[in-house]
Amino acid sequence: MLRWFDLVRTGKLVERVREHNPYGAPNIQEHHVLRPIPQDQIDRTSSEFAQNLEY
């Protein structure tokens, strides 16, 4: 799973998936560099804690 973090950090995730993953290439989009915030984490906060906008 460290590979995902490296690709996101360097801005190469979408590019590399499109070049090297024939199954993922048709589906990958720019917003996939974000991970959704789990609902239980949102529920545990006492202040406004919004979901990532792309999700």
PDB file of N, CA and C in Angstrom:
ATOM      1  N   MET A   1       0.818  -1.189   0.000  1.00  0.00           N
ATOM      2  CA  MET A   1       0.000   0.000   0.000  1.00  0.00           C
ATOM      3  C   MET A   1       0.866   1.259   0.000  1.00  0.00           C
ATOM      4  N   LEU A   2       2.126   1.168   0.290  1.00  0.00           N
ATOM      5  CA  LEU A   2       2.982   2.343   0.267  1.00  0.00           C
ATOM      6  C   LEU A   2       3.102   2.921  -1.139  1.00  0.00           C
ATOM      7  N   ARG A   3       2.970   2.092  -2.142  1.00  0.00           N
ATOM      8  CA  ARG A   3       3.069   2.545  -3.524  1.00  0.00           C
ATOM      9  C   ARG A   3       1.990   3.578  -3.835  1.00  0.00           C
ATOM     10  N   TRP A   4       0.769   3.346  -3.354  1.00  0.00           N
ATOM     11  CA  TRP A   4      -0.329   4.288  -3.589  1.00  0.00           C
ATOM     12  C   TRP A   4       0.028   5.661  -3.029  1.00  0.00           C
ATOM     13  N   PHE A   5       0.556   5.697  -1.807  1.00  0.00           N
ATOM     14  CA  PHE A   5       0.932   6.966  -1.191  1.00  0.00           C
ATOM     15  C   PHE A   5       2.026   7.676  -1.980  1.00  0.00           C
ATOM     16  N   ASP A   6       3.005   6.917  -2.459  1.00  0.00           N
ATOM     17  CA  ASP A   6       4.080   7.519  -3.250  1.00  0.00           C
ATOM     18  C   ASP A   6       3.552   8.104  -4.556  1.00  0.00           C
ATOM     19  N   LEU A   7       2.679   7.376  -5.221  1.00  0.00           N
ATOM     20  CA  LEU A   7       2.123   7.872  -6.485  1.00  0.00           C
ATOM     21  C   LEU A   7       1.252   9.103  -6.278  1.00  0.00           C
ATOM     22  N   VAL A   8       0.488   9.133  -5.210  1.00  0.00           N
ATOM     23  CA  VAL A   8      -0.341  10.314  -4.924  1.00  0.00           C
ATOM     24  C   VAL A   8       0.546  11.499  -4.563  1.00  0.00           C
ATOM     25  N   ARG A   9       1.546  11.273  -3.733  1.00  0.00           N
ATOM     26  CA  ARG A   9       2.434  12.349  -3.293  1.00  0.00           C
ATOM     27  C   ARG A   9       3.168  12.988  -4.468  1.00  0.00           C
ATOM     28  N   THR A  10       3.565  12.186  -5.432  1.00  0.00           N
ATOM     29  CA  THR A  10       4.306  12.710  -6.579  1.00  0.00           C
ATOM     30  C   THR A  10       3.399  13.138  -7.726  1.00  0.00           C
ATOM     31  N   GLY A  11       2.082  12.940  -7.579  1.00  0.00           N
ATOM     32  CA  GLY A  11       1.138  13.349  -8.614  1.00  0.00           C
ATOM     33  C   GLY A  11       1.119  12.431  -9.825  1.00  0.00           C
ATOM     34  N   LYS A  12       1.531  11.185  -9.663  1.00  0.00           N
ATOM     35  CA  LYS A  12       1.645  10.247 -10.778  1.00  0.00           C
ATOM     36  C   LYS A  12       0.599   9.134 -10.778  1.00  0.00           C
ATOM     37  N   LEU A  13      -0.295   9.110  -9.810  1.00  0.00           N
ATOM     38  CA  LEU A  13      -1.234   7.991  -9.696  1.00  0.00           C
ATOM     39  C   LEU A  13      -2.053   7.794 -10.965  1.00  0.00           C
ATOM     40  N   VAL A  14      -2.744   8.830 -11.391  1.00  0.00           N
ATOM     41  CA  VAL A  14      -3.635   8.705 -12.549  1.00  0.00           C
ATOM     42  C   VAL A  14      -2.832   8.363 -13.804  1.00  0.00           C
ATOM     43  N   GLU A  15      -1.714   9.027 -13.981  1.00  0.00           N
ATOM     44  CA  GLU A  15      -0.862   8.778 -15.155  1.00  0.00           C
ATOM     45  C   GLU A  15      -0.394   7.320 -15.208  1.00  0.00           C
ATOM     46  N   ARG A  16       0.104   6.806 -14.095  1.00  0.00           N
ATOM     47  CA  ARG A  16       0.637   5.442 -14.060  1.00  0.00           C
ATOM     48  C   ARG A  16      -0.459   4.390 -14.220  1.00  0.00           C
ATOM     49  N   VAL A  17      -1.622   4.633 -13.633  1.00  0.00           N
ATOM     50  CA  VAL A  17      -2.728   3.681 -13.798  1.00  0.00           C
ATOM     51  C   VAL A  17      -3.146   3.634 -15.260  1.00  0.00           C
ATOM     52  N   ARG A  18      -3.256   4.783 -15.895  1.00  0.00           N
ATOM     53  CA  ARG A  18      -3.659   4.816 -17.307  1.00  0.00           C
ATOM     54  C   ARG A  18      -2.639   4.140 -18.212  1.00  0.00           C
ATOM     55  N   GLU A  19      -1.373   4.224 -17.880  1.00  0.00           N
ATOM     56  CA  GLU A  19      -0.326   3.619 -18.701  1.00  0.00           C
ATOM     57  C   GLU A  19      -0.150   2.125 -18.466  1.00  0.00           C
ATOM     58  N   HIS A  20      -0.337   1.668 -17.218  1.00  0.00           N
ATOM     59  CA  HIS A  20       0.082   0.314 -16.870  1.00  0.00           C
ATOM     60  C   HIS A  20      -1.015  -0.605 -16.334  1.00  0.00           C
ATOM     61  N   ASN A  21      -2.248  -0.145 -16.238  1.00  0.00           N
ATOM     62  CA  ASN A  21      -3.302  -0.987 -15.694  1.00  0.00           C
ATOM     63  C   ASN A  21      -4.480  -1.015 -16.672  1.00  0.00           C
ATOM     64  N   PRO A  22      -4.564  -2.030 -17.512  1.00  0.00           N
ATOM     65  CA  PRO A  22      -5.636  -2.060 -18.515  1.00  0.00           C
ATOM     66  C   PRO A  22      -7.034  -2.178 -17.907  1.00  0.00           C
ATOM     67  N   TYR A  23      -7.139  -2.704 -16.689  1.00  0.00           N
ATOM     68  CA  TYR A  23      -8.443  -2.828 -16.046  1.00  0.00           C
ATOM     69  C   TYR A  23      -8.866  -1.537 -15.355  1.00  0.00           C
ATOM     70  N   GLY A  24      -7.907  -0.817 -14.798  1.00  0.00           N
ATOM     71  CA  GLY A  24      -8.214   0.414 -14.082  1.00  0.00           C
ATOM     72  C   GLY A  24      -8.243   1.646 -14.962  1.00  0.00           C
ATOM     73  N   ALA A  25      -7.551   1.607 -16.090  1.00  0.00           N
ATOM     74  CA  ALA A  25      -7.409   2.785 -16.952  1.00  0.00           C
ATOM     75  C   ALA A  25      -8.735   3.397 -17.386  1.00  0.00           C
ATOM     76  N   PRO A  26      -9.740   2.605 -17.785  1.00  0.00           N
ATOM     77  CA  PRO A  26     -10.996   3.238 -18.223  1.00  0.00           C
ATOM     78  C   PRO A  26     -11.765   3.912 -17.083  1.00  0.00           C
ATOM     79  N   ASN A  27     -11.467   3.542 -15.854  1.00  0.00           N
ATOM     80  CA  ASN A  27     -12.261   4.028 -14.724  1.00  0.00           C
ATOM     81  C   ASN A  27     -11.583   5.088 -13.865  1.00  0.00           C
ATOM     82  N   ILE A  28     -10.268   5.205 -13.916  1.00  0.00           N
ATOM     83  CA  ILE A  28      -9.560   6.127 -13.022  1.00  0.00           C
ATOM     84  C   ILE A  28      -9.877   7.571 -13.390  1.00  0.00           C
ATOM     85  N   GLN A  29     -10.096   8.384 -12.358  1.00  0.00           N
ATOM     86  CA  GLN A  29     -10.370   9.805 -12.543  1.00  0.00           C
ATOM     87  C   GLN A  29      -9.514  10.586 -11.548  1.00  0.00           C
ATOM     88  N   GLU A  30      -9.403  11.877 -11.786  1.00  0.00           N
ATOM     89  CA  GLU A  30      -8.557  12.728 -10.945  1.00  0.00           C
ATOM     90  C   GLU A  30      -8.954  12.686  -9.469  1.00  0.00           C
ATOM     91  N   HIS A  31     -10.242  12.556  -9.186  1.00  0.00           N
ATOM     92  CA  HIS A  31     -10.651  12.577  -7.775  1.00  0.00           C
ATOM     93  C   HIS A  31     -10.266  11.303  -7.022  1.00  0.00           C
ATOM     94  N   HIS A  32      -9.790  10.291  -7.704  1.00  0.00           N
ATOM     95  CA  HIS A  32      -9.386   9.065  -7.035  1.00  0.00           C
ATOM     96  C   HIS A  32      -8.095   9.206  -6.234  1.00  0.00           C
ATOM     97  N   VAL A  33      -7.423  10.355  -6.322  1.00  0.00           N
ATOM     98  CA  VAL A  33      -6.252  10.576  -5.477  1.00  0.00           C
ATOM     99  C   VAL A  33      -6.680  10.877  -4.043  1.00  0.00           C
ATOM    100  N   LEU A  34      -7.950  11.181  -3.837  1.00  0.00           N
ATOM    101  CA  LEU A  34      -8.495  11.386  -2.494  1.00  0.00           C
ATOM    102  C   LEU A  34      -9.155  10.105  -2.020  1.00  0.00           C
ATOM    103  N   ARG A  35      -9.105   9.869  -0.744  1.00  0.00           N
ATOM    104  CA  ARG A  35      -9.830   8.750  -0.159  1.00  0.00           C
ATOM    105  C   ARG A  35     -11.036   9.310   0.585  1.00  0.00           C
ATOM    106  N   PRO A  36     -12.169   8.628   0.544  1.00  0.00           N
ATOM    107  CA  PRO A  36     -13.312   9.110   1.312  1.00  0.00           C
ATOM    108  C   PRO A  36     -13.026   9.031   2.806  1.00  0.00           C
ATOM    109  N   ILE A  37     -13.598   9.948   3.559  1.00  0.00           N
ATOM    110  CA  ILE A  37     -13.451   9.930   5.015  1.00  0.00           C
ATOM    111  C   ILE A  37     -14.518   8.977   5.553  1.00  0.00           C
ATOM    112  N   PRO A  38     -14.137   7.970   6.335  1.00  0.00           N
ATOM    113  CA  PRO A  38     -15.123   7.017   6.852  1.00  0.00           C
ATOM    114  C   PRO A  38     -16.206   7.721   7.682  1.00  0.00           C
ATOM    115  N   GLN A  39     -17.426   7.281   7.514  1.00  0.00           N
ATOM    116  CA  GLN A  39     -18.550   7.898   8.205  1.00  0.00           C
ATOM    117  C   GLN A  39     -18.390   7.828   9.717  1.00  0.00           C
ATOM    118  N   ASP A  40     -17.823   6.757  10.246  1.00  0.00           N
ATOM    119  CA  ASP A  40     -17.661   6.679  11.703  1.00  0.00           C
ATOM    120  C   ASP A  40     -16.689   7.739  12.216  1.00  0.00           C
ATOM    121  N   GLN A  41     -15.704   8.143  11.415  1.00  0.00           N
ATOM    122  CA  GLN A  41     -14.820   9.240  11.810  1.00  0.00           C
ATOM    123  C   GLN A  41     -15.573  10.570  11.818  1.00  0.00           C
ATOM    124  N   ILE A  42     -16.411  10.775  10.839  1.00  0.00           N
ATOM    125  CA  ILE A  42     -17.218  11.995  10.789  1.00  0.00           C
ATOM    126  C   ILE A  42     -18.150  12.044  11.992  1.00  0.00           C
ATOM    127  N   ASP A  43     -18.764  10.907  12.321  1.00  0.00           N
ATOM    128  CA  ASP A  43     -19.701  10.840  13.444  1.00  0.00           C
ATOM    129  C   ASP A  43     -19.022  11.089  14.796  1.00  0.00           C
ATOM    130  N   ARG A  44     -17.737  10.808  14.924  1.00  0.00           N
ATOM    131  CA  ARG A  44     -17.029  10.955  16.196  1.00  0.00           C
ATOM    132  C   ARG A  44     -16.632  12.399  16.512  1.00  0.00           C
ATOM    133  N   THR A  45     -16.741  13.281  15.551  1.00  0.00           N
ATOM    134  CA  THR A  45     -16.318  14.662  15.774  1.00  0.00           C
ATOM    135  C   THR A  45     -17.467  15.481  16.351  1.00  0.00           C
ATOM    136  N   SER A  46     -17.115  16.478  17.151  1.00  0.00           N
ATOM    137  CA  SER A  46     -18.149  17.337  17.731  1.00  0.00           C
ATOM    138  C   SER A  46     -18.336  18.609  16.902  1.00  0.00           C
ATOM    139  N   SER A  47     -17.434  18.868  15.968  1.00  0.00           N
ATOM    140  CA  SER A  47     -17.568  20.043  15.102  1.00  0.00           C
ATOM    141  C   SER A  47     -17.898  19.587  13.677  1.00  0.00           C
ATOM    142  N   GLU A  48     -18.094  20.568  12.799  1.00  0.00           N
ATOM    143  CA  GLU A  48     -18.383  20.251  11.404  1.00  0.00           C
ATOM    144  C   GLU A  48     -17.164  19.566  10.779  1.00  0.00           C
ATOM    145  N   PHE A  49     -17.351  18.392  10.239  1.00  0.00           N
ATOM    146  CA  PHE A  49     -16.276  17.606   9.644  1.00  0.00           C
ATOM    147  C   PHE A  49     -16.798  17.111   8.304  1.00  0.00           C
ATOM    148  N   ALA A  50     -16.479  17.841   7.239  1.00  0.00           N
ATOM    149  CA  ALA A  50     -17.074  17.549   5.934  1.00  0.00           C
ATOM    150  C   ALA A  50     -16.348  16.421   5.206  1.00  0.00           C
ATOM    151  N   GLN A  51     -17.090  15.758   4.356  1.00  0.00           N
ATOM    152  CA  GLN A  51     -16.542  14.731   3.477  1.00  0.00           C
ATOM    153  C   GLN A  51     -15.674  15.419   2.415  1.00  0.00           C
ATOM    154  N   ASN A  52     -14.723  14.682   1.842  1.00  0.00           N
ATOM    155  CA  ASN A  52     -13.966  15.200   0.709  1.00  0.00           C
ATOM    156  C   ASN A  52     -14.949  15.581  -0.401  1.00  0.00           C
ATOM    157  N   LEU A  53     -14.776  16.738  -0.990  1.00  0.00           N
ATOM    158  CA  LEU A  53     -15.750  17.269  -1.940  1.00  0.00           C
ATOM    159  C   LEU A  53     -16.004  16.369  -3.135  1.00  0.00           C
ATOM    160  N   GLU A  54     -15.006  15.661  -3.610  1.00  0.00           N
ATOM    161  CA  GLU A  54     -15.189  14.818  -4.784  1.00  0.00           C
ATOM    162  C   GLU A  54     -16.007  13.559  -4.493  1.00  0.00           C
ATOM    163  N   TYR A  55     -16.182  13.207  -3.238  1.00  0.00           N
ATOM    164  CA  TYR A  55     -16.988  12.054  -2.883  1.00  0.00           C
ATOM    165  C   TYR A  55     -18.297  12.551  -2.373  1.00  0.00           C
TER     166      TYR A  55
END
